[in-house]
Amino acid sequence: LFARDYLHLSDLAVLIRGIAPDVRGIVFDYG
């Protein structure tokens, strides 16, 4: 809660966690 980017990074994690379990195959993390 003391992190300045707490809200933004929390919400970003919610988005990725919602999609990641359905991903299969090979992932390319670009950047």
PDB file of all heavy atoms in Angstrom:
ATOM      1  N   LEU A   1       0.824  -1.216   0.000  1.00  0.00           N
ATOM      2  CA  LEU A   1       0.000   0.000   0.000  1.00  0.00           C
ATOM      3  C   LEU A   1       0.854   1.259   0.000  1.00  0.00           C
ATOM      4  O   LEU A   1       0.376   2.338  -0.345  1.00  0.00           O
ATOM      5  CB  LEU A   1      -0.925   0.011   1.227  1.00  0.00           C
ATOM      6  CG  LEU A   1      -2.087  -0.980   1.214  1.00  0.00           C
ATOM      7  CD1 LEU A   1      -2.742  -1.039   2.593  1.00  0.00           C
ATOM      8  CD2 LEU A   1      -3.113  -0.593   0.156  1.00  0.00           C
ATOM      9  N   PHE A   2       2.117   1.119   0.369  1.00  0.00           N
ATOM     10  CA  PHE A   2       3.029   2.264   0.412  1.00  0.00           C
ATOM     11  C   PHE A   2       3.768   2.472  -0.913  1.00  0.00           C
ATOM     12  O   PHE A   2       4.594   3.378  -1.028  1.00  0.00           O
ATOM     13  CB  PHE A   2       4.044   2.096   1.543  1.00  0.00           C
ATOM     14  CG  PHE A   2       3.445   2.255   2.914  1.00  0.00           C
ATOM     15  CD1 PHE A   2       2.899   1.172   3.579  1.00  0.00           C
ATOM     16  CD2 PHE A   2       3.416   3.499   3.535  1.00  0.00           C
ATOM     17  CE1 PHE A   2       2.330   1.312   4.832  1.00  0.00           C
ATOM     18  CE2 PHE A   2       2.857   3.658   4.794  1.00  0.00           C
ATOM     19  CZ  PHE A   2       2.303   2.558   5.450  1.00  0.00           C
ATOM     20  N   ALA A   3       3.469   1.635  -1.912  1.00  0.00           N
ATOM     21  CA  ALA A   3       4.103   1.791  -3.232  1.00  0.00           C
ATOM     22  C   ALA A   3       3.333   2.822  -4.048  1.00  0.00           C
ATOM     23  O   ALA A   3       2.105   2.788  -4.108  1.00  0.00           O
ATOM     24  CB  ALA A   3       4.126   0.461  -3.963  1.00  0.00           C
ATOM     25  N   ARG A   4       4.061   3.716  -4.705  1.00  0.00           N
ATOM     26  CA  ARG A   4       3.398   4.789  -5.473  1.00  0.00           C
ATOM     27  C   ARG A   4       2.611   4.260  -6.657  1.00  0.00           C
ATOM     28  O   ARG A   4       1.656   4.891  -7.102  1.00  0.00           O
ATOM     29  CB  ARG A   4       4.442   5.800  -5.967  1.00  0.00           C
ATOM     30  CG  ARG A   4       4.747   6.887  -4.972  1.00  0.00           C
ATOM     31  CD  ARG A   4       5.375   8.086  -5.651  1.00  0.00           C
ATOM     32  NE  ARG A   4       6.690   7.797  -6.168  1.00  0.00           N
ATOM     33  CZ  ARG A   4       7.180   8.305  -7.284  1.00  0.00           C
ATOM     34  NH1 ARG A   4       6.426   9.085  -8.037  1.00  0.00           N
ATOM     35  NH2 ARG A   4       8.398   8.028  -7.667  1.00  0.00           N
ATOM     36  N   ASP A   5       3.000   3.121  -7.187  1.00  0.00           N
ATOM     37  CA  ASP A   5       2.292   2.554  -8.336  1.00  0.00           C
ATOM     38  C   ASP A   5       1.399   1.381  -7.922  1.00  0.00           C
ATOM     39  O   ASP A   5       1.068   0.526  -8.728  1.00  0.00           O
ATOM     40  CB  ASP A   5       3.278   2.112  -9.421  1.00  0.00           C
ATOM     41  CG  ASP A   5       4.471   1.362  -8.862  1.00  0.00           C
ATOM     42  OD1 ASP A   5       4.424   0.950  -7.682  1.00  0.00           O
ATOM     43  OD2 ASP A   5       5.454   1.180  -9.607  1.00  0.00           O
ATOM     44  N   TYR A   6       1.009   1.354  -6.646  1.00  0.00           N
ATOM     45  CA  TYR A   6       0.193   0.267  -6.114  1.00  0.00           C
ATOM     46  C   TYR A   6      -1.079   0.045  -6.933  1.00  0.00           C
ATOM     47  O   TYR A   6      -1.384  -1.085  -7.328  1.00  0.00           O
ATOM     48  CB  TYR A   6      -0.173   0.557  -4.655  1.00  0.00           C
ATOM     49  CG  TYR A   6      -1.243  -0.350  -4.098  1.00  0.00           C
ATOM     50  CD1 TYR A   6      -0.933  -1.632  -3.653  1.00  0.00           C
ATOM     51  CD2 TYR A   6      -2.569   0.070  -4.024  1.00  0.00           C
ATOM     52  CE1 TYR A   6      -1.915  -2.479  -3.144  1.00  0.00           C
ATOM     53  CE2 TYR A   6      -3.556  -0.770  -3.524  1.00  0.00           C
ATOM     54  CZ  TYR A   6      -3.229  -2.036  -3.086  1.00  0.00           C
ATOM     55  OH  TYR A   6      -4.209  -2.867  -2.607  1.00  0.00           O
ATOM     56  N   LEU A   7      -1.845   1.094  -7.195  1.00  0.00           N
ATOM     57  CA  LEU A   7      -3.130   0.938  -7.874  1.00  0.00           C
ATOM     58  C   LEU A   7      -2.942   0.486  -9.319  1.00  0.00           C
ATOM     59  O   LEU A   7      -3.587  -0.462  -9.781  1.00  0.00           O
ATOM     60  CB  LEU A   7      -3.918   2.246  -7.826  1.00  0.00           C
ATOM     61  CG  LEU A   7      -4.411   2.655  -6.432  1.00  0.00           C
ATOM     62  CD1 LEU A   7      -4.978   4.068  -6.459  1.00  0.00           C
ATOM     63  CD2 LEU A   7      -5.439   1.672  -5.914  1.00  0.00           C
ATOM     64  N   HIS A   8      -2.066   1.158 -10.024  1.00  0.00           N
ATOM     65  CA  HIS A   8      -1.846   0.832 -11.435  1.00  0.00           C
ATOM     66  C   HIS A   8      -1.338  -0.605 -11.604  1.00  0.00           C
ATOM     67  O   HIS A   8      -1.862  -1.372 -12.411  1.00  0.00           O
ATOM     68  CB  HIS A   8      -0.869   1.828 -12.039  1.00  0.00           C
ATOM     69  CG  HIS A   8      -0.266   1.387 -13.326  1.00  0.00           C
ATOM     70  ND1 HIS A   8      -1.026   0.989 -14.406  1.00  0.00           N
ATOM     71  CD2 HIS A   8       1.033   1.249 -13.714  1.00  0.00           C
ATOM     72  CE1 HIS A   8      -0.226   0.639 -15.395  1.00  0.00           C
ATOM     73  NE2 HIS A   8       1.019   0.784 -14.999  1.00  0.00           N
ATOM     74  N   LEU A   9      -0.332  -0.986 -10.823  1.00  0.00           N
ATOM     75  CA  LEU A   9       0.230  -2.323 -10.965  1.00  0.00           C
ATOM     76  C   LEU A   9      -0.729  -3.402 -10.457  1.00  0.00           C
ATOM     77  O   LEU A   9      -0.753  -4.521 -10.983  1.00  0.00           O
ATOM     78  CB  LEU A   9       1.576  -2.414 -10.238  1.00  0.00           C
ATOM     79  CG  LEU A   9       2.715  -1.596 -10.855  1.00  0.00           C
ATOM     80  CD1 LEU A   9       4.006  -1.817 -10.080  1.00  0.00           C
ATOM     81  CD2 LEU A   9       2.923  -1.946 -12.324  1.00  0.00           C
ATOM     82  N   SER A  10      -1.526  -3.079  -9.446  1.00  0.00           N
ATOM     83  CA  SER A  10      -2.546  -4.028  -8.988  1.00  0.00           C
ATOM     84  C   SER A  10      -3.539  -4.327 -10.102  1.00  0.00           C
ATOM     85  O   SER A  10      -3.900  -5.484 -10.355  1.00  0.00           O
ATOM     86  CB  SER A  10      -3.304  -3.468  -7.777  1.00  0.00           C
ATOM     87  OG  SER A  10      -2.478  -3.348  -6.652  1.00  0.00           O
ATOM     88  N   ASP A  11      -3.984  -3.287 -10.779  1.00  0.00           N
ATOM     89  CA  ASP A  11      -4.978  -3.451 -11.831  1.00  0.00           C
ATOM     90  C   ASP A  11      -4.390  -4.158 -13.049  1.00  0.00           C
ATOM     91  O   ASP A  11      -5.054  -4.980 -13.695  1.00  0.00           O
ATOM     92  CB  ASP A  11      -5.557  -2.086 -12.219  1.00  0.00           C
ATOM     93  CG  ASP A  11      -6.294  -1.430 -11.047  1.00  0.00           C
ATOM     94  OD1 ASP A  11      -6.508  -2.118 -10.033  1.00  0.00           O
ATOM     95  OD2 ASP A  11      -6.637  -0.246 -11.151  1.00  0.00           O
ATOM     96  N   LEU A  12      -3.145  -3.853 -13.352  1.00  0.00           N
ATOM     97  CA  LEU A  12      -2.467  -4.537 -14.452  1.00  0.00           C
ATOM     98  C   LEU A  12      -2.349  -6.035 -14.164  1.00  0.00           C
ATOM     99  O   LEU A  12      -2.572  -6.879 -15.038  1.00  0.00           O
ATOM    100  CB  LEU A  12      -1.075  -3.913 -14.646  1.00  0.00           C
ATOM    101  CG  LEU A  12      -0.223  -4.419 -15.807  1.00  0.00           C
ATOM    102  CD1 LEU A  12      -0.942  -4.261 -17.136  1.00  0.00           C
ATOM    103  CD2 LEU A  12       1.114  -3.682 -15.831  1.00  0.00           C
ATOM    104  N   ALA A  13      -2.040  -6.376 -12.910  1.00  0.00           N
ATOM    105  CA  ALA A  13      -1.933  -7.783 -12.523  1.00  0.00           C
ATOM    106  C   ALA A  13      -3.283  -8.491 -12.620  1.00  0.00           C
ATOM    107  O   ALA A  13      -3.346  -9.661 -13.010  1.00  0.00           O
ATOM    108  CB  ALA A  13      -1.375  -7.897 -11.103  1.00  0.00           C
ATOM    109  N   VAL A  14      -4.363  -7.786 -12.281  1.00  0.00           N
ATOM    110  CA  VAL A  14      -5.706  -8.372 -12.399  1.00  0.00           C
ATOM    111  C   VAL A  14      -5.983  -8.748 -13.862  1.00  0.00           C
ATOM    112  O   VAL A  14      -6.492  -9.830 -14.163  1.00  0.00           O
ATOM    113  CB  VAL A  14      -6.779  -7.386 -11.889  1.00  0.00           C
ATOM    114  CG1 VAL A  14      -8.186  -7.829 -12.306  1.00  0.00           C
ATOM    115  CG2 VAL A  14      -6.701  -7.269 -10.373  1.00  0.00           C
ATOM    116  N   LEU A  15      -5.650  -7.841 -14.782  1.00  0.00           N
ATOM    117  CA  LEU A  15      -5.860  -8.094 -16.200  1.00  0.00           C
ATOM    118  C   LEU A  15      -5.071  -9.317 -16.667  1.00  0.00           C
ATOM    119  O   LEU A  15      -5.619 -10.222 -17.313  1.00  0.00           O
ATOM    120  CB  LEU A  15      -5.436  -6.865 -17.020  1.00  0.00           C
ATOM    121  CG  LEU A  15      -5.419  -7.052 -18.540  1.00  0.00           C
ATOM    122  CD1 LEU A  15      -6.829  -7.249 -19.082  1.00  0.00           C
ATOM    123  CD2 LEU A  15      -4.730  -5.865 -19.216  1.00  0.00           C
ATOM    124  N   ILE A  16      -3.777  -9.352 -16.351  1.00  0.00           N
ATOM    125  CA  ILE A  16      -2.917 -10.441 -16.840  1.00  0.00           C
ATOM    126  C   ILE A  16      -3.304 -11.772 -16.201  1.00  0.00           C
ATOM    127  O   ILE A  16      -3.355 -12.808 -16.875  1.00  0.00           O
ATOM    128  CB  ILE A  16      -1.439 -10.110 -16.582  1.00  0.00           C
ATOM    129  CG1 ILE A  16      -1.054  -8.844 -17.353  1.00  0.00           C
ATOM    130  CG2 ILE A  16      -0.541 -11.275 -17.012  1.00  0.00           C
ATOM    131  CD1 ILE A  16       0.315  -8.308 -17.019  1.00  0.00           C
ATOM    132  N   ARG A  17      -3.626 -11.747 -14.908  1.00  0.00           N
ATOM    133  CA  ARG A  17      -4.046 -12.981 -14.239  1.00  0.00           C
ATOM    134  C   ARG A  17      -5.350 -13.524 -14.821  1.00  0.00           C
ATOM    135  O   ARG A  17      -5.607 -14.729 -14.773  1.00  0.00           O
ATOM    136  CB  ARG A  17      -4.218 -12.727 -12.740  1.00  0.00           C
ATOM    137  CG  ARG A  17      -2.907 -12.691 -11.959  1.00  0.00           C
ATOM    138  CD  ARG A  17      -3.164 -12.728 -10.463  1.00  0.00           C
ATOM    139  NE  ARG A  17      -1.938 -12.973  -9.725  1.00  0.00           N
ATOM    140  CZ  ARG A  17      -1.297 -12.058  -9.007  1.00  0.00           C
ATOM    141  NH1 ARG A  17      -1.764 -10.818  -8.955  1.00  0.00           N
ATOM    142  NH2 ARG A  17      -0.193 -12.362  -8.350  1.00  0.00           N
ATOM    143  N   GLY A  18      -6.188 -12.643 -15.353  1.00  0.00           N
ATOM    144  CA  GLY A  18      -7.436 -13.088 -15.933  1.00  0.00           C
ATOM    145  C   GLY A  18      -7.267 -13.781 -17.275  1.00  0.00           C
ATOM    146  O   GLY A  18      -8.106 -14.597 -17.669  1.00  0.00           O
ATOM    147  N   ILE A  19      -6.177 -13.468 -17.986  1.00  0.00           N
ATOM    148  CA  ILE A  19      -5.956 -14.014 -19.332  1.00  0.00           C
ATOM    149  C   ILE A  19      -4.927 -15.142 -19.338  1.00  0.00           C
ATOM    150  O   ILE A  19      -5.063 -16.131 -20.067  1.00  0.00           O
ATOM    151  CB  ILE A  19      -5.525 -12.873 -20.285  1.00  0.00           C
ATOM    152  CG1 ILE A  19      -6.725 -11.944 -20.537  1.00  0.00           C
ATOM    153  CG2 ILE A  19      -4.972 -13.405 -21.601  1.00  0.00           C
ATOM    154  CD1 ILE A  19      -6.395 -10.712 -21.328  1.00  0.00           C
ATOM    155  N   ALA A  20      -3.894 -15.028 -18.504  1.00  0.00           N
ATOM    156  CA  ALA A  20      -2.760 -15.966 -18.535  1.00  0.00           C
ATOM    157  C   ALA A  20      -3.145 -17.440 -18.414  1.00  0.00           C
ATOM    158  O   ALA A  20      -2.571 -18.279 -19.128  1.00  0.00           O
ATOM    159  CB  ALA A  20      -1.748 -15.595 -17.448  1.00  0.00           C
ATOM    160  N   PRO A  21      -4.090 -17.833 -17.545  1.00  0.00           N
ATOM    161  CA  PRO A  21      -4.377 -19.272 -17.400  1.00  0.00           C
ATOM    162  C   PRO A  21      -4.857 -19.954 -18.675  1.00  0.00           C
ATOM    163  O   PRO A  21      -4.723 -21.175 -18.814  1.00  0.00           O
ATOM    164  CB  PRO A  21      -5.471 -19.303 -16.320  1.00  0.00           C
ATOM    165  CG  PRO A  21      -5.277 -18.039 -15.547  1.00  0.00           C
ATOM    166  CD  PRO A  21      -4.838 -17.025 -16.562  1.00  0.00           C
ATOM    167  N   ASP A  22      -5.416 -19.202 -19.611  1.00  0.00           N
ATOM    168  CA  ASP A  22      -5.929 -19.791 -20.852  1.00  0.00           C
ATOM    169  C   ASP A  22      -4.889 -19.837 -21.969  1.00  0.00           C
ATOM    170  O   ASP A  22      -5.162 -20.348 -23.053  1.00  0.00           O
ATOM    171  CB  ASP A  22      -7.144 -19.003 -21.345  1.00  0.00           C
ATOM    172  CG  ASP A  22      -8.316 -19.089 -20.377  1.00  0.00           C
ATOM    173  OD1 ASP A  22      -8.469 -20.145 -19.734  1.00  0.00           O
ATOM    174  OD2 ASP A  22      -9.071 -18.098 -20.255  1.00  0.00           O
ATOM    175  N   VAL A  23      -3.701 -19.299 -21.714  1.00  0.00           N
ATOM    176  CA  VAL A  23      -2.661 -19.246 -22.742  1.00  0.00           C
ATOM    177  C   VAL A  23      -1.907 -20.576 -22.785  1.00  0.00           C
ATOM    178  O   VAL A  23      -1.546 -21.134 -21.743  1.00  0.00           O
ATOM    179  CB  VAL A  23      -1.682 -18.082 -22.474  1.00  0.00           C
ATOM    180  CG1 VAL A  23      -0.554 -18.074 -23.501  1.00  0.00           C
ATOM    181  CG2 VAL A  23      -2.421 -16.744 -22.498  1.00  0.00           C
ATOM    182  N   ARG A  24      -1.672 -21.064 -23.988  1.00  0.00           N
ATOM    183  CA  ARG A  24      -0.885 -22.286 -24.194  1.00  0.00           C
ATOM    184  C   ARG A  24       0.182 -22.005 -25.256  1.00  0.00           C
ATOM    185  O   ARG A  24       0.163 -20.975 -25.916  1.00  0.00           O
ATOM    186  CB  ARG A  24      -1.787 -23.434 -24.652  1.00  0.00           C
ATOM    187  CG  ARG A  24      -2.833 -23.863 -23.625  1.00  0.00           C
ATOM    188  CD  ARG A  24      -2.180 -24.486 -22.388  1.00  0.00           C
ATOM    189  NE  ARG A  24      -3.161 -24.957 -21.419  1.00  0.00           N
ATOM    190  CZ  ARG A  24      -3.682 -24.211 -20.454  1.00  0.00           C
ATOM    191  NH1 ARG A  24      -3.333 -22.932 -20.354  1.00  0.00           N
ATOM    192  NH2 ARG A  24      -4.540 -24.712 -19.586  1.00  0.00           N
ATOM    193  N   GLY A  25       1.086 -22.963 -25.432  1.00  0.00           N
ATOM    194  CA  GLY A  25       2.116 -22.801 -26.450  1.00  0.00           C
ATOM    195  C   GLY A  25       3.289 -21.993 -25.941  1.00  0.00           C
ATOM    196  O   GLY A  25       3.651 -22.043 -24.766  1.00  0.00           O
ATOM    197  N   ILE A  26       3.894 -21.205 -26.843  1.00  0.00           N
ATOM    198  CA  ILE A  26       5.111 -20.454 -26.519  1.00  0.00           C
ATOM    199  C   ILE A  26       4.795 -18.962 -26.474  1.00  0.00           C
ATOM    200  O   ILE A  26       4.172 -18.409 -27.392  1.00  0.00           O
ATOM    201  CB  ILE A  26       6.216 -20.722 -27.552  1.00  0.00           C
ATOM    202  CG1 ILE A  26       6.471 -22.228 -27.675  1.00  0.00           C
ATOM    203  CG2 ILE A  26       7.509 -20.005 -27.157  1.00  0.00           C
ATOM    204  CD1 ILE A  26       7.476 -22.598 -28.747  1.00  0.00           C
ATOM    205  N   VAL A  27       5.233 -18.321 -25.399  1.00  0.00           N
ATOM    206  CA  VAL A  27       4.988 -16.893 -25.163  1.00  0.00           C
ATOM    207  C   VAL A  27       6.237 -16.085 -25.498  1.00  0.00           C
ATOM    208  O   VAL A  27       7.352 -16.475 -25.137  1.00  0.00           O
ATOM    209  CB  VAL A  27       4.591 -16.650 -23.692  1.00  0.00           C
ATOM    210  CG1 VAL A  27       4.407 -15.156 -23.414  1.00  0.00           C
ATOM    211  CG2 VAL A  27       3.333 -17.426 -23.338  1.00  0.00           C
ATOM    212  N   PHE A  28       6.035 -14.947 -26.164  1.00  0.00           N
ATOM    213  CA  PHE A  28       7.131 -14.010 -26.428  1.00  0.00           C
ATOM    214  C   PHE A  28       6.828 -12.725 -25.670  1.00  0.00           C
ATOM    215  O   PHE A  28       5.858 -12.023 -25.966  1.00  0.00           O
ATOM    216  CB  PHE A  28       7.231 -13.727 -27.929  1.00  0.00           C
ATOM    217  CG  PHE A  28       8.456 -12.938 -28.327  1.00  0.00           C
ATOM    218  CD1 PHE A  28       9.701 -13.550 -28.412  1.00  0.00           C
ATOM    219  CD2 PHE A  28       8.372 -11.583 -28.638  1.00  0.00           C
ATOM    220  CE1 PHE A  28      10.839 -12.833 -28.780  1.00  0.00           C
ATOM    221  CE2 PHE A  28       9.491 -10.854 -29.010  1.00  0.00           C
ATOM    222  CZ  PHE A  28      10.733 -11.487 -29.084  1.00  0.00           C
ATOM    223  N   ASP A  29       7.639 -12.424 -24.656  1.00  0.00           N
ATOM    224  CA  ASP A  29       7.495 -11.208 -23.855  1.00  0.00           C
ATOM    225  C   ASP A  29       8.335 -10.120 -24.533  1.00  0.00           C
ATOM    226  O   ASP A  29       9.557 -10.087 -24.398  1.00  0.00           O
ATOM    227  CB  ASP A  29       7.978 -11.473 -22.427  1.00  0.00           C
ATOM    228  CG  ASP A  29       7.661 -10.334 -21.466  1.00  0.00           C
ATOM    229  OD1 ASP A  29       7.387  -9.216 -21.936  1.00  0.00           O
ATOM    230  OD2 ASP A  29       7.692 -10.572 -20.246  1.00  0.00           O
ATOM    231  N   TYR A  30       7.663  -9.245 -25.260  1.00  0.00           N
ATOM    232  CA  TYR A  30       8.309  -8.293 -26.165  1.00  0.00           C
ATOM    233  C   TYR A  30       8.556  -6.958 -25.448  1.00  0.00           C
ATOM    234  O   TYR A  30       7.665  -6.148 -25.285  1.00  0.00           O
ATOM    235  CB  TYR A  30       7.394  -8.094 -27.373  1.00  0.00           C
ATOM    236  CG  TYR A  30       8.036  -7.516 -28.618  1.00  0.00           C
ATOM    237  CD1 TYR A  30       7.351  -7.527 -29.828  1.00  0.00           C
ATOM    238  CD2 TYR A  30       9.304  -6.958 -28.603  1.00  0.00           C
ATOM    239  CE1 TYR A  30       7.907  -7.010 -30.983  1.00  0.00           C
ATOM    240  CE2 TYR A  30       9.876  -6.436 -29.748  1.00  0.00           C
ATOM    241  CZ  TYR A  30       9.166  -6.464 -30.932  1.00  0.00           C
ATOM    242  OH  TYR A  30       9.730  -5.945 -32.084  1.00  0.00           O
ATOM    243  N   GLY A  31       9.821  -6.765 -25.024  1.00  0.00           N
ATOM    244  CA  GLY A  31      10.169  -5.605 -24.196  1.00  0.00           C
ATOM    245  C   GLY A  31      10.003  -5.987 -22.740  1.00  0.00           C
ATOM    246  O   GLY A  31       9.343  -5.310 -21.961  1.00  0.00           O
TER     247      GLY A  31
END
